[in-house]
Amino acid sequence: MSATGVKAKELQEDISELKSLGESAQRSKVKDIISVAARKLETELVELREQLKREEAAKNSTDDAKAEIKKVEPVVKKVTETQLKDYSWDQSEKFVKLYLTGLAGLGGCSSEKVVISFTSESVSVRIGPLSEQVPKIFTFSIKKTCHQINPEKSYHKVKSDYLLVYLAKHNPGSDWSHITYAEKMAADSKKKADEPKFDDKSDPSAGLMTMMKKMYEDGDDEMKRTIAKAWTEGQDKKSQDGL
């Protein structure tokens, strides 16, 4: 295995480990940090794979020069349509960047075969067919983005085997928690459902206990130690008051 191949393998293992850490992480901020780090490594991995392909192409061109060229009868293949589901995203101050991967041969595809439409709240992508050997049309769309975008300033870049879509933020400097509006609404609903509910007719101390329990379950080690100490001191005070 070449040095580039070894590096790509190690990078893939790093990405897998980061994703594993992200799944086990409890705090939202920690998950976001791990997710951003993983996406940056995935971008590096894509570039390494491009380099590997160039190295293999150079090697194959030498081998092909020595081999006999065999003629193959052309086969007409039916064009199929596939929805792209393999993607990741990142953001900067002005843009949200979409990485649509799994598009081998995209670099050699003519510009007419890459059609992208932007609105203030959506993006639609249609690619292909990439070649006669891959008679597929790939589609991708976000019907409603998490926040509004600026379609006039949005654009895309074609890479060798992936498409990079730049969604210009309507409000530069804003932070996107999710890529789609549906994902944001689902997360907000879950957060609201997890919030402790207080009933005016119920025992106030019961509501406080529910909130403390939630803080203990979601908190880090320092938070858990603080709550445990407060609980112990409270119990000691009750015991002294009862004497």
C-alpha atoms as a PDB file:
ATOM      1  CA  MET A   1       0.000   0.000   0.000  1.00  0.00           C
ATOM      2  CA  SER A   2       1.271   3.459  -0.908  1.00  0.00           C
ATOM      3  CA  ALA A   3       1.944   6.174   1.667  1.00  0.00           C
ATOM      4  CA  THR A   4      -1.196   7.987   0.496  1.00  0.00           C
ATOM      5  CA  GLY A   5      -3.228   4.819   0.919  1.00  0.00           C
ATOM      6  CA  VAL A   6      -1.922   4.299   4.457  1.00  0.00           C
ATOM      7  CA  LYS A   7      -2.778   7.895   5.350  1.00  0.00           C
ATOM      8  CA  ALA A   8      -6.281   7.527   3.894  1.00  0.00           C
ATOM      9  CA  LYS A   9      -6.844   4.343   5.901  1.00  0.00           C
ATOM     10  CA  GLU A  10      -5.716   6.022   9.126  1.00  0.00           C
ATOM     11  CA  LEU A  11      -7.951   9.024   8.384  1.00  0.00           C
ATOM     12  CA  GLN A  12     -10.927   6.723   7.843  1.00  0.00           C
ATOM     13  CA  GLU A  13     -10.258   5.092  11.215  1.00  0.00           C
ATOM     14  CA  ASP A  14     -10.047   8.547  12.843  1.00  0.00           C
ATOM     15  CA  ILE A  15     -13.429   9.482  11.316  1.00  0.00           C
ATOM     16  CA  SER A  16     -15.019   6.234  12.543  1.00  0.00           C
ATOM     17  CA  GLU A  17     -13.704   6.820  16.046  1.00  0.00           C
ATOM     18  CA  LEU A  18     -14.967  10.428  16.064  1.00  0.00           C
ATOM     19  CA  LYS A  19     -18.420   9.308  14.957  1.00  0.00           C
ATOM     20  CA  SER A  20     -18.404   6.673  17.681  1.00  0.00           C
ATOM     21  CA  LEU A  21     -17.521   9.343  20.236  1.00  0.00           C
ATOM     22  CA  GLY A  22     -20.277  11.563  18.860  1.00  0.00           C
ATOM     23  CA  GLU A  23     -22.845   8.800  19.351  1.00  0.00           C
ATOM     24  CA  SER A  24     -21.791   8.282  22.958  1.00  0.00           C
ATOM     25  CA  ALA A  25     -21.519  11.986  23.807  1.00  0.00           C
ATOM     26  CA  GLN A  26     -24.264  13.387  26.039  1.00  0.00           C
ATOM     27  CA  ARG A  27     -23.890  17.157  25.683  1.00  0.00           C
ATOM     28  CA  SER A  28     -25.149  18.898  22.543  1.00  0.00           C
ATOM     29  CA  LYS A  29     -22.156  21.248  22.338  1.00  0.00           C
ATOM     30  CA  VAL A  30     -19.739  18.323  22.519  1.00  0.00           C
ATOM     31  CA  LYS A  31     -21.687  16.516  19.811  1.00  0.00           C
ATOM     32  CA  ASP A  32     -21.545  19.602  17.557  1.00  0.00           C
ATOM     33  CA  ILE A  33     -17.774  19.942  18.062  1.00  0.00           C
ATOM     34  CA  ILE A  34     -17.218  16.255  17.249  1.00  0.00           C
ATOM     35  CA  SER A  35     -19.521  16.488  14.206  1.00  0.00           C
ATOM     36  CA  VAL A  36     -17.659  19.484  12.743  1.00  0.00           C
ATOM     37  CA  ALA A  37     -14.294  17.768  13.332  1.00  0.00           C
ATOM     38  CA  ALA A  38     -15.545  14.604  11.625  1.00  0.00           C
ATOM     39  CA  ARG A  39     -16.802  16.551   8.582  1.00  0.00           C
ATOM     40  CA  LYS A  40     -13.457  18.311   8.198  1.00  0.00           C
ATOM     41  CA  LEU A  41     -11.663  14.943   8.273  1.00  0.00           C
ATOM     42  CA  GLU A  42     -14.140  13.625   5.700  1.00  0.00           C
ATOM     43  CA  THR A  43     -13.188  16.519   3.418  1.00  0.00           C
ATOM     44  CA  GLU A  44      -9.499  15.642   3.833  1.00  0.00           C
ATOM     45  CA  LEU A  45     -10.327  12.001   3.114  1.00  0.00           C
ATOM     46  CA  VAL A  46     -12.080  12.964  -0.130  1.00  0.00           C
ATOM     47  CA  GLU A  47      -8.975  14.883  -1.234  1.00  0.00           C
ATOM     48  CA  LEU A  48      -6.718  11.939  -0.345  1.00  0.00           C
ATOM     49  CA  ARG A  49      -8.920   9.605  -2.365  1.00  0.00           C
ATOM     50  CA  GLU A  50      -8.625  11.957  -5.319  1.00  0.00           C
ATOM     51  CA  GLN A  51      -4.846  11.803  -4.985  1.00  0.00           C
ATOM     52  CA  LEU A  52      -4.993   7.995  -4.828  1.00  0.00           C
ATOM     53  CA  LYS A  53      -7.040   7.921  -8.018  1.00  0.00           C
ATOM     54  CA  ARG A  54      -4.496  10.121  -9.785  1.00  0.00           C
ATOM     55  CA  GLU A  55      -1.686   7.816  -8.669  1.00  0.00           C
ATOM     56  CA  GLU A  56      -3.598   4.736  -9.811  1.00  0.00           C
ATOM     57  CA  ALA A  57      -4.450   6.399 -13.124  1.00  0.00           C
ATOM     58  CA  ALA A  58      -0.783   7.161 -13.749  1.00  0.00           C
ATOM     59  CA  LYS A  59       0.127   3.547 -12.969  1.00  0.00           C
ATOM     60  CA  ASN A  60      -2.687   2.143 -15.108  1.00  0.00           C
ATOM     61  CA  SER A  61      -1.748   4.319 -18.090  1.00  0.00           C
ATOM     62  CA  THR A  62       1.723   2.761 -18.043  1.00  0.00           C
ATOM     63  CA  ASP A  63       0.282  -0.752 -17.804  1.00  0.00           C
ATOM     64  CA  ASP A  64      -2.234  -0.081 -20.574  1.00  0.00           C
ATOM     65  CA  ALA A  65       0.517   1.028 -22.939  1.00  0.00           C
ATOM     66  CA  LYS A  66       2.012  -2.447 -22.654  1.00  0.00           C
ATOM     67  CA  ALA A  67      -1.264  -4.338 -22.924  1.00  0.00           C
ATOM     68  CA  GLU A  68      -3.249  -5.185 -26.046  1.00  0.00           C
ATOM     69  CA  ILE A  69      -6.386  -3.068 -26.493  1.00  0.00           C
ATOM     70  CA  LYS A  70      -9.503  -5.180 -26.859  1.00  0.00           C
ATOM     71  CA  LYS A  71     -12.553  -3.864 -28.658  1.00  0.00           C
ATOM     72  CA  VAL A  72     -15.840  -4.234 -26.805  1.00  0.00           C
ATOM     73  CA  GLU A  73     -19.196  -4.010 -28.465  1.00  0.00           C
ATOM     74  CA  PRO A  74     -21.165  -1.050 -27.072  1.00  0.00           C
ATOM     75  CA  VAL A  75     -24.052  -2.006 -24.826  1.00  0.00           C
ATOM     76  CA  VAL A  76     -27.047   0.278 -24.525  1.00  0.00           C
ATOM     77  CA  LYS A  77     -27.971   0.623 -20.857  1.00  0.00           C
ATOM     78  CA  LYS A  78     -31.183   2.017 -19.410  1.00  0.00           C
ATOM     79  CA  VAL A  79     -30.837   5.321 -17.578  1.00  0.00           C
ATOM     80  CA  THR A  80     -32.081   5.145 -13.979  1.00  0.00           C
ATOM     81  CA  GLU A  81     -32.698   7.875 -11.414  1.00  0.00           C
ATOM     82  CA  THR A  82     -31.246   7.675  -7.895  1.00  0.00           C
ATOM     83  CA  GLN A  83     -31.731   9.979  -4.924  1.00  0.00           C
ATOM     84  CA  LEU A  84     -28.479  11.047  -3.264  1.00  0.00           C
ATOM     85  CA  LYS A  85     -28.485  10.302   0.458  1.00  0.00           C
ATOM     86  CA  ASP A  86     -24.739  10.274   1.129  1.00  0.00           C
ATOM     87  CA  TYR A  87     -23.823  13.837   2.108  1.00  0.00           C
ATOM     88  CA  SER A  88     -22.350  15.954   4.890  1.00  0.00           C
ATOM     89  CA  TRP A  89     -22.330  19.667   5.637  1.00  0.00           C
ATOM     90  CA  ASP A  90     -20.265  22.383   7.252  1.00  0.00           C
ATOM     91  CA  GLN A  91     -20.576  26.132   7.627  1.00  0.00           C
ATOM     92  CA  SER A  92     -18.550  29.313   7.641  1.00  0.00           C
ATOM     93  CA  GLU A  93     -19.553  32.889   8.413  1.00  0.00           C
ATOM     94  CA  LYS A  94     -21.151  33.422   4.986  1.00  0.00           C
ATOM     95  CA  PHE A  95     -21.941  29.949   3.638  1.00  0.00           C
ATOM     96  CA  VAL A  96     -23.367  26.557   4.502  1.00  0.00           C
ATOM     97  CA  LYS A  97     -21.443  23.978   2.477  1.00  0.00           C
ATOM     98  CA  LEU A  98     -23.023  20.726   1.264  1.00  0.00           C
ATOM     99  CA  TYR A  99     -20.763  17.823   0.267  1.00  0.00           C
ATOM    100  CA  LEU A 100     -22.617  15.440  -2.069  1.00  0.00           C
ATOM    101  CA  THR A 101     -20.372  12.379  -2.300  1.00  0.00           C
ATOM    102  CA  GLY A 102     -20.407   9.023  -4.065  1.00  0.00           C
ATOM    103  CA  LEU A 103     -20.242  10.588  -7.542  1.00  0.00           C
ATOM    104  CA  ALA A 104     -17.324   8.793  -9.181  1.00  0.00           C
ATOM    105  CA  GLY A 105     -16.563  10.316 -12.575  1.00  0.00           C
ATOM    106  CA  LEU A 106     -18.233  13.644 -11.852  1.00  0.00           C
ATOM    107  CA  GLY A 107     -15.044  15.522 -12.723  1.00  0.00           C
ATOM    108  CA  GLY A 108     -15.317  14.392 -16.345  1.00  0.00           C
ATOM    109  CA  CYS A 109     -18.991  15.258 -16.633  1.00  0.00           C
ATOM    110  CA  SER A 110     -20.011  18.228 -18.811  1.00  0.00           C
ATOM    111  CA  SER A 111     -21.458  21.298 -17.089  1.00  0.00           C
ATOM    112  CA  GLU A 112     -24.802  20.775 -18.874  1.00  0.00           C
ATOM    113  CA  LYS A 113     -25.284  17.585 -16.851  1.00  0.00           C
ATOM    114  CA  VAL A 114     -25.067  19.394 -13.503  1.00  0.00           C
ATOM    115  CA  VAL A 115     -28.259  21.389 -12.917  1.00  0.00           C
ATOM    116  CA  ILE A 116     -28.808  23.201  -9.593  1.00  0.00           C
ATOM    117  CA  SER A 117     -31.721  25.425  -8.611  1.00  0.00           C
ATOM    118  CA  PHE A 118     -31.795  27.732  -5.575  1.00  0.00           C
ATOM    119  CA  THR A 119     -34.674  29.590  -3.912  1.00  0.00           C
ATOM    120  CA  SER A 120     -34.687  31.543  -0.660  1.00  0.00           C
ATOM    121  CA  GLU A 121     -35.510  28.357   1.270  1.00  0.00           C
ATOM    122  CA  SER A 122     -34.642  25.404  -0.949  1.00  0.00           C
ATOM    123  CA  VAL A 123     -32.032  23.778  -3.165  1.00  0.00           C
ATOM    124  CA  SER A 124     -32.509  21.167  -5.904  1.00  0.00           C
ATOM    125  CA  VAL A 125     -29.722  19.199  -7.636  1.00  0.00           C
ATOM    126  CA  ARG A 126     -29.846  16.980 -10.748  1.00  0.00           C
ATOM    127  CA  ILE A 127     -26.664  15.315 -12.025  1.00  0.00           C
ATOM    128  CA  GLY A 128     -25.916  12.985 -14.905  1.00  0.00           C
ATOM    129  CA  PRO A 129     -25.807  10.642 -16.527  1.00  0.00           C
ATOM    130  CA  LEU A 130     -22.122  10.723 -15.534  1.00  0.00           C
ATOM    131  CA  SER A 131     -21.055   8.368 -18.336  1.00  0.00           C
ATOM    132  CA  GLU A 132     -22.224   5.553 -20.582  1.00  0.00           C
ATOM    133  CA  GLN A 133     -20.770   3.108 -18.065  1.00  0.00           C
ATOM    134  CA  VAL A 134     -22.797   4.726 -15.252  1.00  0.00           C
ATOM    135  CA  PRO A 135     -26.220   5.476 -16.824  1.00  0.00           C
ATOM    136  CA  LYS A 136     -27.646   7.056 -13.692  1.00  0.00           C
ATOM    137  CA  ILE A 137     -29.174  10.421 -12.933  1.00  0.00           C
ATOM    138  CA  PHE A 138     -28.574  11.522  -9.351  1.00  0.00           C
ATOM    139  CA  THR A 139     -30.977  13.894  -7.586  1.00  0.00           C
ATOM    140  CA  PHE A 140     -30.848  15.736  -4.282  1.00  0.00           C
ATOM    141  CA  SER A 141     -33.131  18.339  -2.748  1.00  0.00           C
ATOM    142  CA  ILE A 142     -33.883  20.218   0.449  1.00  0.00           C
ATOM    143  CA  LYS A 143     -37.453  21.478   0.253  1.00  0.00           C
ATOM    144  CA  LYS A 144     -37.013  23.899   3.165  1.00  0.00           C
ATOM    145  CA  THR A 145     -33.671  24.876   4.648  1.00  0.00           C
ATOM    146  CA  CYS A 146     -33.146  25.539   8.353  1.00  0.00           C
ATOM    147  CA  HIS A 147     -32.867  29.276   7.652  1.00  0.00           C
ATOM    148  CA  GLN A 148     -33.224  31.448   4.571  1.00  0.00           C
ATOM    149  CA  ILE A 149     -30.470  31.559   1.949  1.00  0.00           C
ATOM    150  CA  ASN A 150     -29.457  34.053  -0.724  1.00  0.00           C
ATOM    151  CA  PRO A 151     -29.998  32.275  -4.083  1.00  0.00           C
ATOM    152  CA  GLU A 152     -28.120  34.950  -6.053  1.00  0.00           C
ATOM    153  CA  LYS A 153     -24.911  34.379  -4.090  1.00  0.00           C
ATOM    154  CA  SER A 154     -25.231  30.590  -3.845  1.00  0.00           C
ATOM    155  CA  TYR A 155     -23.139  28.469  -6.212  1.00  0.00           C
ATOM    156  CA  HIS A 156     -21.418  25.085  -6.625  1.00  0.00           C
ATOM    157  CA  LYS A 157     -18.061  23.500  -7.466  1.00  0.00           C
ATOM    158  CA  VAL A 158     -17.555  20.222  -9.318  1.00  0.00           C
ATOM    159  CA  LYS A 159     -14.832  17.917  -7.947  1.00  0.00           C
ATOM    160  CA  SER A 160     -13.584  14.588  -9.287  1.00  0.00           C
ATOM    161  CA  ASP A 161     -16.069  12.456  -7.342  1.00  0.00           C
ATOM    162  CA  TYR A 162     -18.196  14.847  -5.282  1.00  0.00           C
ATOM    163  CA  LEU A 163     -20.186  18.054  -5.639  1.00  0.00           C
ATOM    164  CA  LEU A 164     -19.646  20.997  -3.291  1.00  0.00           C
ATOM    165  CA  VAL A 165     -22.712  23.256  -2.966  1.00  0.00           C
ATOM    166  CA  TYR A 166     -22.366  26.669  -1.329  1.00  0.00           C
ATOM    167  CA  LEU A 167     -25.595  27.970   0.233  1.00  0.00           C
ATOM    168  CA  ALA A 168     -25.122  31.682   0.896  1.00  0.00           C
ATOM    169  CA  LYS A 169     -26.560  32.640   4.282  1.00  0.00           C
ATOM    170  CA  HIS A 170     -29.305  35.273   4.154  1.00  0.00           C
ATOM    171  CA  ASN A 171     -27.925  36.536   7.481  1.00  0.00           C
ATOM    172  CA  PRO A 172     -24.112  36.213   7.363  1.00  0.00           C
ATOM    173  CA  GLY A 173     -22.638  35.321  10.724  1.00  0.00           C
ATOM    174  CA  SER A 174     -25.688  33.353  11.862  1.00  0.00           C
ATOM    175  CA  ASP A 175     -25.159  29.821  13.174  1.00  0.00           C
ATOM    176  CA  TRP A 176     -27.151  26.950  11.672  1.00  0.00           C
ATOM    177  CA  SER A 177     -27.941  24.178  14.160  1.00  0.00           C
ATOM    178  CA  HIS A 178     -29.355  21.953  11.409  1.00  0.00           C
ATOM    179  CA  ILE A 179     -29.423  21.838   7.618  1.00  0.00           C
ATOM    180  CA  THR A 180     -33.189  21.415   7.138  1.00  0.00           C
ATOM    181  CA  TYR A 181     -36.163  23.125   8.755  1.00  0.00           C
ATOM    182  CA  ALA A 182     -37.719  19.725   9.524  1.00  0.00           C
ATOM    183  CA  GLU A 183     -34.638  18.630  11.475  1.00  0.00           C
ATOM    184  CA  LYS A 184     -34.665  21.864  13.476  1.00  0.00           C
ATOM    185  CA  MET A 185     -38.370  21.524  14.321  1.00  0.00           C
ATOM    186  CA  ALA A 186     -37.892  17.898  15.409  1.00  0.00           C
ATOM    187  CA  ALA A 187     -34.977  18.866  17.664  1.00  0.00           C
ATOM    188  CA  ASP A 188     -36.911  21.791  19.151  1.00  0.00           C
ATOM    189  CA  SER A 189     -39.904  19.546  19.852  1.00  0.00           C
ATOM    190  CA  LYS A 190     -37.720  16.960  21.572  1.00  0.00           C
ATOM    191  CA  LYS A 191     -36.052  19.652  23.659  1.00  0.00           C
ATOM    192  CA  LYS A 192     -39.425  21.029  24.699  1.00  0.00           C
ATOM    193  CA  ALA A 193     -40.687  17.542  25.569  1.00  0.00           C
ATOM    194  CA  ASP A 194     -37.623  16.944  27.748  1.00  0.00           C
ATOM    195  CA  GLU A 195     -38.136  20.132  29.732  1.00  0.00           C
ATOM    196  CA  PRO A 196     -39.527  19.558  33.255  1.00  0.00           C
ATOM    197  CA  LYS A 197     -43.222  20.436  33.566  1.00  0.00           C
ATOM    198  CA  PHE A 198     -44.546  22.220  36.661  1.00  0.00           C
ATOM    199  CA  ASP A 199     -48.135  21.927  37.865  1.00  0.00           C
ATOM    200  CA  ASP A 200     -49.525  24.742  40.027  1.00  0.00           C
ATOM    201  CA  LYS A 201     -51.524  22.233  42.069  1.00  0.00           C
ATOM    202  CA  SER A 202     -48.640  19.831  42.622  1.00  0.00           C
ATOM    203  CA  ASP A 203     -46.019  19.878  45.340  1.00  0.00           C
ATOM    204  CA  PRO A 204     -43.379  22.498  44.366  1.00  0.00           C
ATOM    205  CA  SER A 205     -40.644  20.335  45.831  1.00  0.00           C
ATOM    206  CA  ALA A 206     -41.633  17.489  43.459  1.00  0.00           C
ATOM    207  CA  GLY A 207     -41.109  19.763  40.455  1.00  0.00           C
ATOM    208  CA  LEU A 208     -37.762  20.857  41.849  1.00  0.00           C
ATOM    209  CA  MET A 209     -36.721  17.237  42.336  1.00  0.00           C
ATOM    210  CA  THR A 210     -37.679  16.454  38.712  1.00  0.00           C
ATOM    211  CA  MET A 211     -35.602  19.371  37.448  1.00  0.00           C
ATOM    212  CA  MET A 212     -32.609  18.367  39.633  1.00  0.00           C
ATOM    213  CA  LYS A 213     -32.843  14.787  38.396  1.00  0.00           C
ATOM    214  CA  LYS A 214     -32.869  15.985  34.759  1.00  0.00           C
ATOM    215  CA  MET A 215     -29.856  18.246  35.405  1.00  0.00           C
ATOM    216  CA  TYR A 216     -28.007  15.339  37.047  1.00  0.00           C
ATOM    217  CA  GLU A 217     -28.707  12.936  34.158  1.00  0.00           C
ATOM    218  CA  ASP A 218     -27.660  15.444  31.472  1.00  0.00           C
ATOM    219  CA  GLY A 219     -24.797  17.077  33.373  1.00  0.00           C
ATOM    220  CA  ASP A 220     -21.078  16.430  33.217  1.00  0.00           C
ATOM    221  CA  ASP A 221     -19.028  15.018  36.122  1.00  0.00           C
ATOM    222  CA  GLU A 222     -18.612  18.437  37.751  1.00  0.00           C
ATOM    223  CA  MET A 223     -22.361  19.109  37.589  1.00  0.00           C
ATOM    224  CA  LYS A 224     -23.124  15.685  39.087  1.00  0.00           C
ATOM    225  CA  ARG A 225     -20.691  16.280  41.961  1.00  0.00           C
ATOM    226  CA  THR A 226     -22.250  19.682  42.672  1.00  0.00           C
ATOM    227  CA  ILE A 227     -25.807  18.295  42.710  1.00  0.00           C
ATOM    228  CA  ALA A 228     -24.792  15.325  44.867  1.00  0.00           C
ATOM    229  CA  LYS A 229     -23.116  17.660  47.371  1.00  0.00           C
ATOM    230  CA  ALA A 230     -26.179  19.934  47.507  1.00  0.00           C
ATOM    231  CA  TRP A 231     -28.427  16.909  48.027  1.00  0.00           C
ATOM    232  CA  THR A 232     -26.265  15.559  50.855  1.00  0.00           C
ATOM    233  CA  GLU A 233     -26.108  18.935  52.599  1.00  0.00           C
ATOM    234  CA  GLY A 234     -29.879  19.293  52.250  1.00  0.00           C
ATOM    235  CA  GLN A 235     -30.495  15.899  53.820  1.00  0.00           C
ATOM    236  CA  ASP A 236     -28.082  16.697  56.682  1.00  0.00           C
ATOM    237  CA  LYS A 237     -29.928  19.971  57.329  1.00  0.00           C
ATOM    238  CA  LYS A 238     -33.284  18.154  57.425  1.00  0.00           C
ATOM    239  CA  SER A 239     -31.871  15.674  59.946  1.00  0.00           C
ATOM    240  CA  GLN A 240     -30.592  18.502  62.197  1.00  0.00           C
ATOM    241  CA  ASP A 241     -33.917  20.355  61.989  1.00  0.00           C
ATOM    242  CA  GLY A 242     -35.727  17.213  63.043  1.00  0.00           C
ATOM    243  CA  LEU A 243     -33.698  16.842  66.261  1.00  0.00           C
END
